[in-house]
Amino acid sequence: EDAPFFTPGSEGAHLHAKVLNEGNEPVVLKHFVNAFRGTNLRTV
């Protein structure tokens, strides 16, 4: 909760309106710099 930005559940952590996902476009949630680390990105 004391992260400088992208705090859990915050409005700031939401995708920006210019590029919101639509339909069946997956959204991968990550907690590290590398989007492959600890996520299902490779599986997707």
All heavy atoms as atom14 arrays in JSON, in Angstrom:
{
  "sequence": "EDAPFFTPGSEGAHLHAKVLNEGNEPVVLKHFVNAFRGTNLRTV",
  "atom14_mask": [
    [1, 1, 1, 1, 1, 1, 1, 1, 1, 0, 0, 0, 0, 0],
    [1, 1, 1, 1, 1, 1, 1, 1, 0, 0, 0, 0, 0, 0],
    [1, 1, 1, 1, 1, 0, 0, 0, 0, 0, 0, 0, 0, 0],
    [1, 1, 1, 1, 1, 1, 1, 0, 0, 0, 0, 0, 0, 0],
    [1, 1, 1, 1, 1, 1, 1, 1, 1, 1, 1, 0, 0, 0],
    [1, 1, 1, 1, 1, 1, 1, 1, 1, 1, 1, 0, 0, 0],
    [1, 1, 1, 1, 1, 1, 1, 0, 0, 0, 0, 0, 0, 0],
    [1, 1, 1, 1, 1, 1, 1, 0, 0, 0, 0, 0, 0, 0],
    [1, 1, 1, 1, 0, 0, 0, 0, 0, 0, 0, 0, 0, 0],
    [1, 1, 1, 1, 1, 1, 0, 0, 0, 0, 0, 0, 0, 0],
    [1, 1, 1, 1, 1, 1, 1, 1, 1, 0, 0, 0, 0, 0],
    [1, 1, 1, 1, 0, 0, 0, 0, 0, 0, 0, 0, 0, 0],
    [1, 1, 1, 1, 1, 0, 0, 0, 0, 0, 0, 0, 0, 0],
    [1, 1, 1, 1, 1, 1, 1, 1, 1, 1, 0, 0, 0, 0],
    [1, 1, 1, 1, 1, 1, 1, 1, 0, 0, 0, 0, 0, 0],
    [1, 1, 1, 1, 1, 1, 1, 1, 1, 1, 0, 0, 0, 0],
    [1, 1, 1, 1, 1, 0, 0, 0, 0, 0, 0, 0, 0, 0],
    [1, 1, 1, 1, 1, 1, 1, 1, 1, 0, 0, 0, 0, 0],
    [1, 1, 1, 1, 1, 1, 1, 0, 0, 0, 0, 0, 0, 0],
    [1, 1, 1, 1, 1, 1, 1, 1, 0, 0, 0, 0, 0, 0],
    [1, 1, 1, 1, 1, 1, 1, 1, 0, 0, 0, 0, 0, 0],
    [1, 1, 1, 1, 1, 1, 1, 1, 1, 0, 0, 0, 0, 0],
    [1, 1, 1, 1, 0, 0, 0, 0, 0, 0, 0, 0, 0, 0],
    [1, 1, 1, 1, 1, 1, 1, 1, 0, 0, 0, 0, 0, 0],
    [1, 1, 1, 1, 1, 1, 1, 1, 1, 0, 0, 0, 0, 0],
    [1, 1, 1, 1, 1, 1, 1, 0, 0, 0, 0, 0, 0, 0],
    [1, 1, 1, 1, 1, 1, 1, 0, 0, 0, 0, 0, 0, 0],
    [1, 1, 1, 1, 1, 1, 1, 0, 0, 0, 0, 0, 0, 0],
    [1, 1, 1, 1, 1, 1, 1, 1, 0, 0, 0, 0, 0, 0],
    [1, 1, 1, 1, 1, 1, 1, 1, 1, 0, 0, 0, 0, 0],
    [1, 1, 1, 1, 1, 1, 1, 1, 1, 1, 0, 0, 0, 0],
    [1, 1, 1, 1, 1, 1, 1, 1, 1, 1, 1, 0, 0, 0],
    [1, 1, 1, 1, 1, 1, 1, 0, 0, 0, 0, 0, 0, 0],
    [1, 1, 1, 1, 1, 1, 1, 1, 0, 0, 0, 0, 0, 0],
    [1, 1, 1, 1, 1, 0, 0, 0, 0, 0, 0, 0, 0, 0],
    [1, 1, 1, 1, 1, 1, 1, 1, 1, 1, 1, 0, 0, 0],
    [1, 1, 1, 1, 1, 1, 1, 1, 1, 1, 1, 0, 0, 0],
    [1, 1, 1, 1, 0, 0, 0, 0, 0, 0, 0, 0, 0, 0],
    [1, 1, 1, 1, 1, 1, 1, 0, 0, 0, 0, 0, 0, 0],
    [1, 1, 1, 1, 1, 1, 1, 1, 0, 0, 0, 0, 0, 0],
    [1, 1, 1, 1, 1, 1, 1, 1, 0, 0, 0, 0, 0, 0],
    [1, 1, 1, 1, 1, 1, 1, 1, 1, 1, 1, 0, 0, 0],
    [1, 1, 1, 1, 1, 1, 1, 0, 0, 0, 0, 0, 0, 0],
    [1, 1, 1, 1, 1, 1, 1, 0, 0, 0, 0, 0, 0, 0]
  ],
  "atom14_positions": [
    [[0.82, -1.22, 0.0], [0.0, 0.0, 0.0], [0.85, 1.27, 0.0], [0.38, 2.33, -0.39], [-0.93, 0.02, 1.22], [-2.05, -0.99, 1.15], [-3.07, -0.69, 0.07], [-3.27, 0.48, -0.28], [-3.67, -1.66, -0.43], [0.0, 0.0, 0.0], [0.0, 0.0, 0.0], [0.0, 0.0, 0.0], [0.0, 0.0, 0.0], [0.0, 0.0, 0.0]],
    [[2.11, 1.19, 0.46], [2.95, 2.38, 0.49], [3.86, 2.49, -0.73], [4.86, 3.21, -0.71], [3.74, 2.5, 1.81], [4.35, 1.21, 2.29], [3.82, 0.15, 1.95], [5.34, 1.26, 3.03], [0.0, 0.0, 0.0], [0.0, 0.0, 0.0], [0.0, 0.0, 0.0], [0.0, 0.0, 0.0], [0.0, 0.0, 0.0], [0.0, 0.0, 0.0]],
    [[3.49, 1.83, -1.83], [4.23, 1.98, -3.08], [4.05, 3.4, -3.61], [3.02, 4.03, -3.34], [3.71, 0.96, -4.1], [0.0, 0.0, 0.0], [0.0, 0.0, 0.0], [0.0, 0.0, 0.0], [0.0, 0.0, 0.0], [0.0, 0.0, 0.0], [0.0, 0.0, 0.0], [0.0, 0.0, 0.0], [0.0, 0.0, 0.0], [0.0, 0.0, 0.0]],
    [[5.02, 3.92, -4.36], [4.91, 5.29, -4.85], [3.81, 5.49, -5.9], [3.33, 6.6, -6.1], [6.29, 5.57, -5.45], [6.88, 4.24, -5.74], [6.28, 3.29, -4.74], [0.0, 0.0, 0.0], [0.0, 0.0, 0.0], [0.0, 0.0, 0.0], [0.0, 0.0, 0.0], [0.0, 0.0, 0.0], [0.0, 0.0, 0.0], [0.0, 0.0, 0.0]],
    [[3.4, 4.42, -6.56], [2.34, 4.45, -7.56], [1.87, 3.03, -7.78], [2.43, 2.09, -7.25], [2.79, 5.12, -8.88], [4.02, 4.5, -9.5], [3.91, 3.58, -10.54], [5.3, 4.84, -9.07], [5.03, 3.01, -11.12], [6.43, 4.28, -9.65], [6.3, 3.36, -10.68], [0.0, 0.0, 0.0], [0.0, 0.0, 0.0], [0.0, 0.0, 0.0]],
    [[0.78, 2.86, -8.57], [0.19, 1.54, -8.83], [-0.09, 0.77, -7.55], [0.17, -0.43, -7.45], [1.07, 0.7, -9.76], [1.29, 1.23, -11.14], [2.36, 0.78, -11.89], [0.44, 2.17, -11.7], [2.58, 1.25, -13.17], [0.66, 2.65, -12.98], [1.74, 2.19, -13.73], [0.0, 0.0, 0.0], [0.0, 0.0, 0.0], [0.0, 0.0, 0.0]],
    [[-0.66, 1.45, -6.56], [-0.99, 0.75, -5.32], [-2.17, -0.19, -5.56], [-3.02, 0.08, -6.41], [-1.32, 1.75, -4.18], [-2.34, 2.64, -4.62], [-0.09, 2.53, -3.76], [0.0, 0.0, 0.0], [0.0, 0.0, 0.0], [0.0, 0.0, 0.0], [0.0, 0.0, 0.0], [0.0, 0.0, 0.0], [0.0, 0.0, 0.0], [0.0, 0.0, 0.0]],
    [[-2.22, -1.3, -4.85], [-3.25, -2.3, -5.09], [-4.66, -1.73, -5.04], [-5.02, -1.01, -4.11], [-3.03, -3.3, -3.94], [-1.6, -3.12, -3.55], [-1.31, -1.67, -3.77], [0.0, 0.0, 0.0], [0.0, 0.0, 0.0], [0.0, 0.0, 0.0], [0.0, 0.0, 0.0], [0.0, 0.0, 0.0], [0.0, 0.0, 0.0], [0.0, 0.0, 0.0]],
    [[-5.44, -2.03, -6.07], [-6.83, -1.63, -6.14], [-7.09, -0.16, -6.4], [-8.24, 0.26, -6.43], [0.0, 0.0, 0.0], [0.0, 0.0, 0.0], [0.0, 0.0, 0.0], [0.0, 0.0, 0.0], [0.0, 0.0, 0.0], [0.0, 0.0, 0.0], [0.0, 0.0, 0.0], [0.0, 0.0, 0.0], [0.0, 0.0, 0.0], [0.0, 0.0, 0.0]],
    [[-6.05, 0.64, -6.61], [-6.24, 2.07, -6.79], [-6.67, 2.41, -8.21], [-6.44, 1.65, -9.15], [-4.94, 2.82, -6.47], [-3.96, 2.54, -7.47], [0.0, 0.0, 0.0], [0.0, 0.0, 0.0], [0.0, 0.0, 0.0], [0.0, 0.0, 0.0], [0.0, 0.0, 0.0], [0.0, 0.0, 0.0], [0.0, 0.0, 0.0], [0.0, 0.0, 0.0]],
    [[-7.28, 3.57, -8.37], [-7.66, 4.07, -9.7], [-6.4, 4.26, -10.55], [-6.43, 4.04, -11.77], [-8.44, 5.38, -9.57], [-8.94, 5.94, -10.88], [-9.96, 5.06, -11.59], [-10.7, 4.32, -10.92], [-10.0, 5.11, -12.84], [0.0, 0.0, 0.0], [0.0, 0.0, 0.0], [0.0, 0.0, 0.0], [0.0, 0.0, 0.0], [0.0, 0.0, 0.0]],
    [[-5.32, 4.67, -9.94], [-4.07, 4.87, -10.66], [-3.52, 3.59, -11.28], [-2.79, 3.64, -12.27], [0.0, 0.0, 0.0], [0.0, 0.0, 0.0], [0.0, 0.0, 0.0], [0.0, 0.0, 0.0], [0.0, 0.0, 0.0], [0.0, 0.0, 0.0], [0.0, 0.0, 0.0], [0.0, 0.0, 0.0], [0.0, 0.0, 0.0], [0.0, 0.0, 0.0]],
    [[-3.85, 2.45, -10.7], [-3.37, 1.17, -11.21], [-4.24, 0.61, -12.34], [-3.89, -0.38, -12.97], [-3.28, 0.15, -10.08], [0.0, 0.0, 0.0], [0.0, 0.0, 0.0], [0.0, 0.0, 0.0], [0.0, 0.0, 0.0], [0.0, 0.0, 0.0], [0.0, 0.0, 0.0], [0.0, 0.0, 0.0], [0.0, 0.0, 0.0], [0.0, 0.0, 0.0]],
    [[-5.37, 1.27, -12.63], [-6.26, 0.81, -13.71], [-5.68, 1.17, -15.07], [-4.96, 2.15, -15.22], [-7.64, 1.44, -13.58], [-8.41, 0.94, -12.4], [-9.59, 1.52, -12.01], [-8.18, -0.07, -11.53], [-10.05, 0.89, -10.95], [-9.21, -0.07, -10.64], [0.0, 0.0, 0.0], [0.0, 0.0, 0.0], [0.0, 0.0, 0.0], [0.0, 0.0, 0.0]],
    [[-6.05, 0.38, -16.08], [-5.68, 0.7, -17.45], [-6.27, 2.05, -17.83], [-7.38, 2.39, -17.43], [-6.19, -0.37, -18.42], [-5.59, -1.76, -18.29], [-6.29, -2.72, -19.24], [-4.09, -1.75, -18.52], [0.0, 0.0, 0.0], [0.0, 0.0, 0.0], [0.0, 0.0, 0.0], [0.0, 0.0, 0.0], [0.0, 0.0, 0.0], [0.0, 0.0, 0.0]],
    [[-5.52, 2.8, -18.63], [-5.99, 4.12, -19.07], [-7.1, 3.95, -20.11], [-7.11, 3.0, -20.9], [-4.83, 4.92, -19.65], [-5.16, 6.36, -19.83], [-5.72, 6.84, -20.98], [-5.02, 7.41, -19.0], [-5.92, 8.14, -20.86], [-5.49, 8.52, -19.67], [0.0, 0.0, 0.0], [0.0, 0.0, 0.0], [0.0, 0.0, 0.0], [0.0, 0.0, 0.0]],
    [[-8.03, 4.9, -20.12], [-9.19, 4.84, -21.02], [-8.82, 4.75, -22.5], [-9.57, 4.2, -23.29], [-10.08, 6.06, -20.78], [0.0, 0.0, 0.0], [0.0, 0.0, 0.0], [0.0, 0.0, 0.0], [0.0, 0.0, 0.0], [0.0, 0.0, 0.0], [0.0, 0.0, 0.0], [0.0, 0.0, 0.0], [0.0, 0.0, 0.0], [0.0, 0.0, 0.0]],
    [[-7.65, 5.27, -22.88], [-7.24, 5.24, -24.29], [-7.01, 3.83, -24.81], [-7.05, 3.61, -26.02], [-5.97, 6.07, -24.5], [-6.2, 7.55, -24.33], [-4.94, 8.35, -24.64], [-5.21, 9.83, -24.44], [-4.15, 10.66, -25.0], [0.0, 0.0, 0.0], [0.0, 0.0, 0.0], [0.0, 0.0, 0.0], [0.0, 0.0, 0.0], [0.0, 0.0, 0.0]],
    [[-6.74, 2.88, -23.9], [-6.38, 1.53, -24.35], [-7.07, 0.44, -23.53], [-6.51, -0.64, -23.34], [-4.85, 1.32, -24.32], [-4.14, 2.21, -25.32], [-4.3, 1.56, -22.92], [0.0, 0.0, 0.0], [0.0, 0.0, 0.0], [0.0, 0.0, 0.0], [0.0, 0.0, 0.0], [0.0, 0.0, 0.0], [0.0, 0.0, 0.0], [0.0, 0.0, 0.0]],
    [[-8.26, 0.68, -23.09], [-8.97, -0.34, -22.3], [-9.14, -1.63, -23.09], [-9.35, -1.6, -24.3], [-10.35, 0.18, -21.87], [-10.37, 1.25, -20.8], [-11.79, 1.73, -20.56], [-9.75, 0.74, -19.51], [0.0, 0.0, 0.0], [0.0, 0.0, 0.0], [0.0, 0.0, 0.0], [0.0, 0.0, 0.0], [0.0, 0.0, 0.0], [0.0, 0.0, 0.0]],
    [[-9.08, -2.73, -22.38], [-9.29, -4.02, -23.03], [-10.76, -4.17, -23.43], [-11.64, -3.6, -22.8], [-8.86, -5.18, -22.13], [-9.65, -5.27, -20.86], [-9.8, -4.29, -20.14], [-10.18, -6.44, -20.59], [0.0, 0.0, 0.0], [0.0, 0.0, 0.0], [0.0, 0.0, 0.0], [0.0, 0.0, 0.0], [0.0, 0.0, 0.0], [0.0, 0.0, 0.0]],
    [[-10.97, -4.9, -24.51], [-12.32, -5.17, -25.0], [-12.49, -6.67, -25.2], [-11.53, -7.38, -25.46], [-12.55, -4.47, -26.36], [-12.6, -2.97, -26.29], [-12.86, -2.35, -27.66], [-12.92, -3.07, -28.68], [-12.99, -1.11, -27.7], [0.0, 0.0, 0.0], [0.0, 0.0, 0.0], [0.0, 0.0, 0.0], [0.0, 0.0, 0.0], [0.0, 0.0, 0.0]],
    [[-13.73, -7.11, -25.15], [-14.06, -8.5, -25.47], [-13.22, -9.49, -24.7], [-13.14, -9.44, -23.48], [0.0, 0.0, 0.0], [0.0, 0.0, 0.0], [0.0, 0.0, 0.0], [0.0, 0.0, 0.0], [0.0, 0.0, 0.0], [0.0, 0.0, 0.0], [0.0, 0.0, 0.0], [0.0, 0.0, 0.0], [0.0, 0.0, 0.0], [0.0, 0.0, 0.0]],
    [[-12.56, -10.37, -25.44], [-11.77, -11.43, -24.81], [-10.28, -11.11, -24.72], [-9.46, -12.01, -24.59], [-11.99, -12.75, -25.55], [-11.48, -12.7, -26.98], [-11.15, -11.62, -27.5], [-11.42, -13.85, -27.64], [0.0, 0.0, 0.0], [0.0, 0.0, 0.0], [0.0, 0.0, 0.0], [0.0, 0.0, 0.0], [0.0, 0.0, 0.0], [0.0, 0.0, 0.0]],
    [[-9.92, -9.83, -24.79], [-8.52, -9.44, -24.66], [-8.08, -9.62, -23.2], [-8.6, -8.94, -22.31], [-8.3, -7.99, -25.08], [-8.59, -7.73, -26.54], [-8.6, -6.24, -26.9], [-8.44, -5.38, -26.01], [-8.8, -5.96, -28.1], [0.0, 0.0, 0.0], [0.0, 0.0, 0.0], [0.0, 0.0, 0.0], [0.0, 0.0, 0.0], [0.0, 0.0, 0.0]],
    [[-7.13, -10.51, -22.94], [-6.73, -10.75, -21.56], [-5.95, -9.59, -20.97], [-5.27, -8.84, -21.69], [-5.84, -12.0, -21.66], [-5.36, -12.03, -23.06], [-6.42, -11.37, -23.9], [0.0, 0.0, 0.0], [0.0, 0.0, 0.0], [0.0, 0.0, 0.0], [0.0, 0.0, 0.0], [0.0, 0.0, 0.0], [0.0, 0.0, 0.0], [0.0, 0.0, 0.0]],
    [[-6.06, -9.45, -19.66], [-5.26, -8.49, -18.9], [-4.41, -9.31, -17.93], [-4.94, -10.0, -17.06], [-6.13, -7.49, -18.12], [-5.25, -6.54, -17.32], [-7.05, -6.72, -19.07], [0.0, 0.0, 0.0], [0.0, 0.0, 0.0], [0.0, 0.0, 0.0], [0.0, 0.0, 0.0], [0.0, 0.0, 0.0], [0.0, 0.0, 0.0], [0.0, 0.0, 0.0]],
    [[-3.11, -9.23, -18.11], [-2.16, -9.95, -17.26], [-1.75, -9.01, -16.13], [-1.28, -7.89, -16.38], [-0.93, -10.4, -18.08], [0.14, -10.98, -17.17], [-1.34, -11.39, -19.16], [0.0, 0.0, 0.0], [0.0, 0.0, 0.0], [0.0, 0.0, 0.0], [0.0, 0.0, 0.0], [0.0, 0.0, 0.0], [0.0, 0.0, 0.0], [0.0, 0.0, 0.0]],
    [[-1.92, -9.44, -14.9], [-1.51, -8.66, -13.74], [-0.1, -9.08, -13.34], [0.17, -10.27, -13.17], [-2.48, -8.9, -12.58], [-2.12, -8.19, -11.26], [-2.17, -6.69, -11.43], [-3.05, -8.65, -10.16], [0.0, 0.0, 0.0], [0.0, 0.0, 0.0], [0.0, 0.0, 0.0], [0.0, 0.0, 0.0], [0.0, 0.0, 0.0], [0.0, 0.0, 0.0]],
    [[0.77, -8.07, -13.2], [2.14, -8.38, -12.79], [2.52, -7.59, -11.55], [1.92, -6.54, -11.26], [3.13, -8.09, -13.93], [3.32, -6.64, -14.28], [4.31, -6.5, -15.45], [4.48, -5.08, -15.88], [5.38, -4.3, -15.06], [0.0, 0.0, 0.0], [0.0, 0.0, 0.0], [0.0, 0.0, 0.0], [0.0, 0.0, 0.0], [0.0, 0.0, 0.0]],
    [[3.52, -8.1, -10.84], [4.02, -7.44, -9.63], [5.52, -7.16, -9.72], [6.12, -6.69, -8.76], [3.73, -8.3, -8.39], [2.28, -8.6, -8.2], [1.34, -7.62, -7.94], [1.6, -9.76, -8.27], [0.15, -8.18, -7.83], [0.28, -9.47, -8.03], [0.0, 0.0, 0.0], [0.0, 0.0, 0.0], [0.0, 0.0, 0.0], [0.0, 0.0, 0.0]],
    [[6.12, -7.49, -10.86], [7.54, -7.28, -11.08], [7.75, -6.5, -12.36], [6.84, -6.37, -13.17], [8.27, -8.63, -11.18], [8.17, -9.46, -9.93], [7.24, -10.5, -9.84], [8.98, -9.21, -8.84], [7.13, -11.27, -8.7], [8.88, -9.97, -7.68], [7.95, -11.01, -7.62], [0.0, 0.0, 0.0], [0.0, 0.0, 0.0], [0.0, 0.0, 0.0]],
    [[8.96, -6.01, -12.58], [9.28, -5.24, -13.78], [9.07, -6.08, -15.04], [8.45, -5.63, -16.0], [10.74, -4.71, -13.7], [11.15, -4.06, -15.0], [10.89, -3.73, -12.54], [0.0, 0.0, 0.0], [0.0, 0.0, 0.0], [0.0, 0.0, 0.0], [0.0, 0.0, 0.0], [0.0, 0.0, 0.0], [0.0, 0.0, 0.0], [0.0, 0.0, 0.0]],
    [[9.55, -7.3, -15.05], [9.45, -8.2, -16.19], [8.04, -8.82, -16.24], [7.64, -9.52, -15.32], [10.51, -9.29, -16.08], [10.47, -10.28, -17.21], [9.56, -10.31, -18.03], [11.49, -11.13, -17.25], [0.0, 0.0, 0.0], [0.0, 0.0, 0.0], [0.0, 0.0, 0.0], [0.0, 0.0, 0.0], [0.0, 0.0, 0.0], [0.0, 0.0, 0.0]],
    [[7.32, -8.56, -17.31], [5.94, -9.04, -17.43], [5.82, -10.56, -17.52], [4.73, -11.1, -17.35], [5.27, -8.4, -18.65], [0.0, 0.0, 0.0], [0.0, 0.0, 0.0], [0.0, 0.0, 0.0], [0.0, 0.0, 0.0], [0.0, 0.0, 0.0], [0.0, 0.0, 0.0], [0.0, 0.0, 0.0], [0.0, 0.0, 0.0], [0.0, 0.0, 0.0]],
    [[6.92, -11.26, -17.79], [6.88, -12.71, -17.82], [7.07, -13.32, -16.43], [6.68, -14.45, -16.18], [7.95, -13.26, -18.76], [7.64, -13.06, -20.22], [8.2, -12.0, -20.92], [6.8, -13.93, -20.9], [7.92, -11.81, -22.27], [6.51, -13.75, -22.24], [7.06, -12.69, -22.92], [0.0, 0.0, 0.0], [0.0, 0.0, 0.0], [0.0, 0.0, 0.0]],
    [[7.67, -12.58, -15.51], [8.01, -13.1, -14.18], [6.76, -13.2, -13.3], [6.09, -12.22, -13.02], [9.04, -12.2, -13.51], [9.44, -12.71, -12.15], [10.49, -11.83, -11.5], [10.73, -12.27, -10.14], [11.34, -11.54, -9.24], [11.79, -10.34, -9.54], [11.5, -12.02, -8.03], [0.0, 0.0, 0.0], [0.0, 0.0, 0.0], [0.0, 0.0, 0.0]],
    [[6.45, -14.41, -12.9], [5.36, -14.63, -11.96], [3.98, -14.39, -12.55], [3.03, -14.17, -11.8], [0.0, 0.0, 0.0], [0.0, 0.0, 0.0], [0.0, 0.0, 0.0], [0.0, 0.0, 0.0], [0.0, 0.0, 0.0], [0.0, 0.0, 0.0], [0.0, 0.0, 0.0], [0.0, 0.0, 0.0], [0.0, 0.0, 0.0], [0.0, 0.0, 0.0]],
    [[3.87, -14.41, -13.89], [2.57, -14.19, -14.54], [2.28, -15.33, -15.52], [3.13, -16.19, -15.76], [2.54, -12.87, -15.35], [3.35, -13.03, -16.52], [3.03, -11.69, -14.52], [0.0, 0.0, 0.0], [0.0, 0.0, 0.0], [0.0, 0.0, 0.0], [0.0, 0.0, 0.0], [0.0, 0.0, 0.0], [0.0, 0.0, 0.0], [0.0, 0.0, 0.0]],
    [[1.11, -15.27, -16.12], [0.73, -16.25, -17.13], [0.93, -15.71, -18.56], [0.36, -16.25, -19.5], [-0.72, -16.69, -16.93], [-1.71, -15.55, -17.16], [-1.37, -14.38, -17.07], [-2.96, -15.91, -17.44], [0.0, 0.0, 0.0], [0.0, 0.0, 0.0], [0.0, 0.0, 0.0], [0.0, 0.0, 0.0], [0.0, 0.0, 0.0], [0.0, 0.0, 0.0]],
    [[1.73, -14.67, -18.73], [1.91, -14.07, -20.05], [2.39, -15.08, -21.08], [1.85, -15.18, -22.17], [2.86, -12.87, -19.99], [3.17, -12.19, -21.33], [1.9, -11.72, -22.03], [4.15, -11.03, -21.12], [0.0, 0.0, 0.0], [0.0, 0.0, 0.0], [0.0, 0.0, 0.0], [0.0, 0.0, 0.0], [0.0, 0.0, 0.0], [0.0, 0.0, 0.0]],
    [[3.38, -15.87, -20.73], [3.9, -16.85, -21.69], [2.82, -17.87, -22.05], [2.67, -18.24, -23.22], [5.14, -17.54, -21.14], [5.82, -18.39, -22.19], [7.17, -18.87, -21.74], [7.85, -19.54, -22.83], [8.96, -20.22, -22.69], [9.54, -20.31, -21.5], [9.52, -20.81, -23.72], [0.0, 0.0, 0.0], [0.0, 0.0, 0.0], [0.0, 0.0, 0.0]],
    [[2.06, -18.33, -21.08], [0.97, -19.28, -21.34], [-0.06, -18.67, -22.27], [-0.54, -19.32, -23.21], [0.32, -19.7, -20.01], [1.32, -20.31, -19.19], [-0.82, -20.67, -20.24], [0.0, 0.0, 0.0], [0.0, 0.0, 0.0], [0.0, 0.0, 0.0], [0.0, 0.0, 0.0], [0.0, 0.0, 0.0], [0.0, 0.0, 0.0], [0.0, 0.0, 0.0]],
    [[-0.43, -17.41, -22.03], [-1.4, -16.71, -22.88], [-0.89, -16.68, -24.32], [-1.65, -16.94, -25.27], [-1.66, -15.28, -22.35], [-2.4, -14.43, -23.37], [-2.43, -15.33, -21.04], [0.0, 0.0, 0.0], [0.0, 0.0, 0.0], [0.0, 0.0, 0.0], [0.0, 0.0, 0.0], [0.0, 0.0, 0.0], [0.0, 0.0, 0.0], [0.0, 0.0, 0.0]]
  ]
}
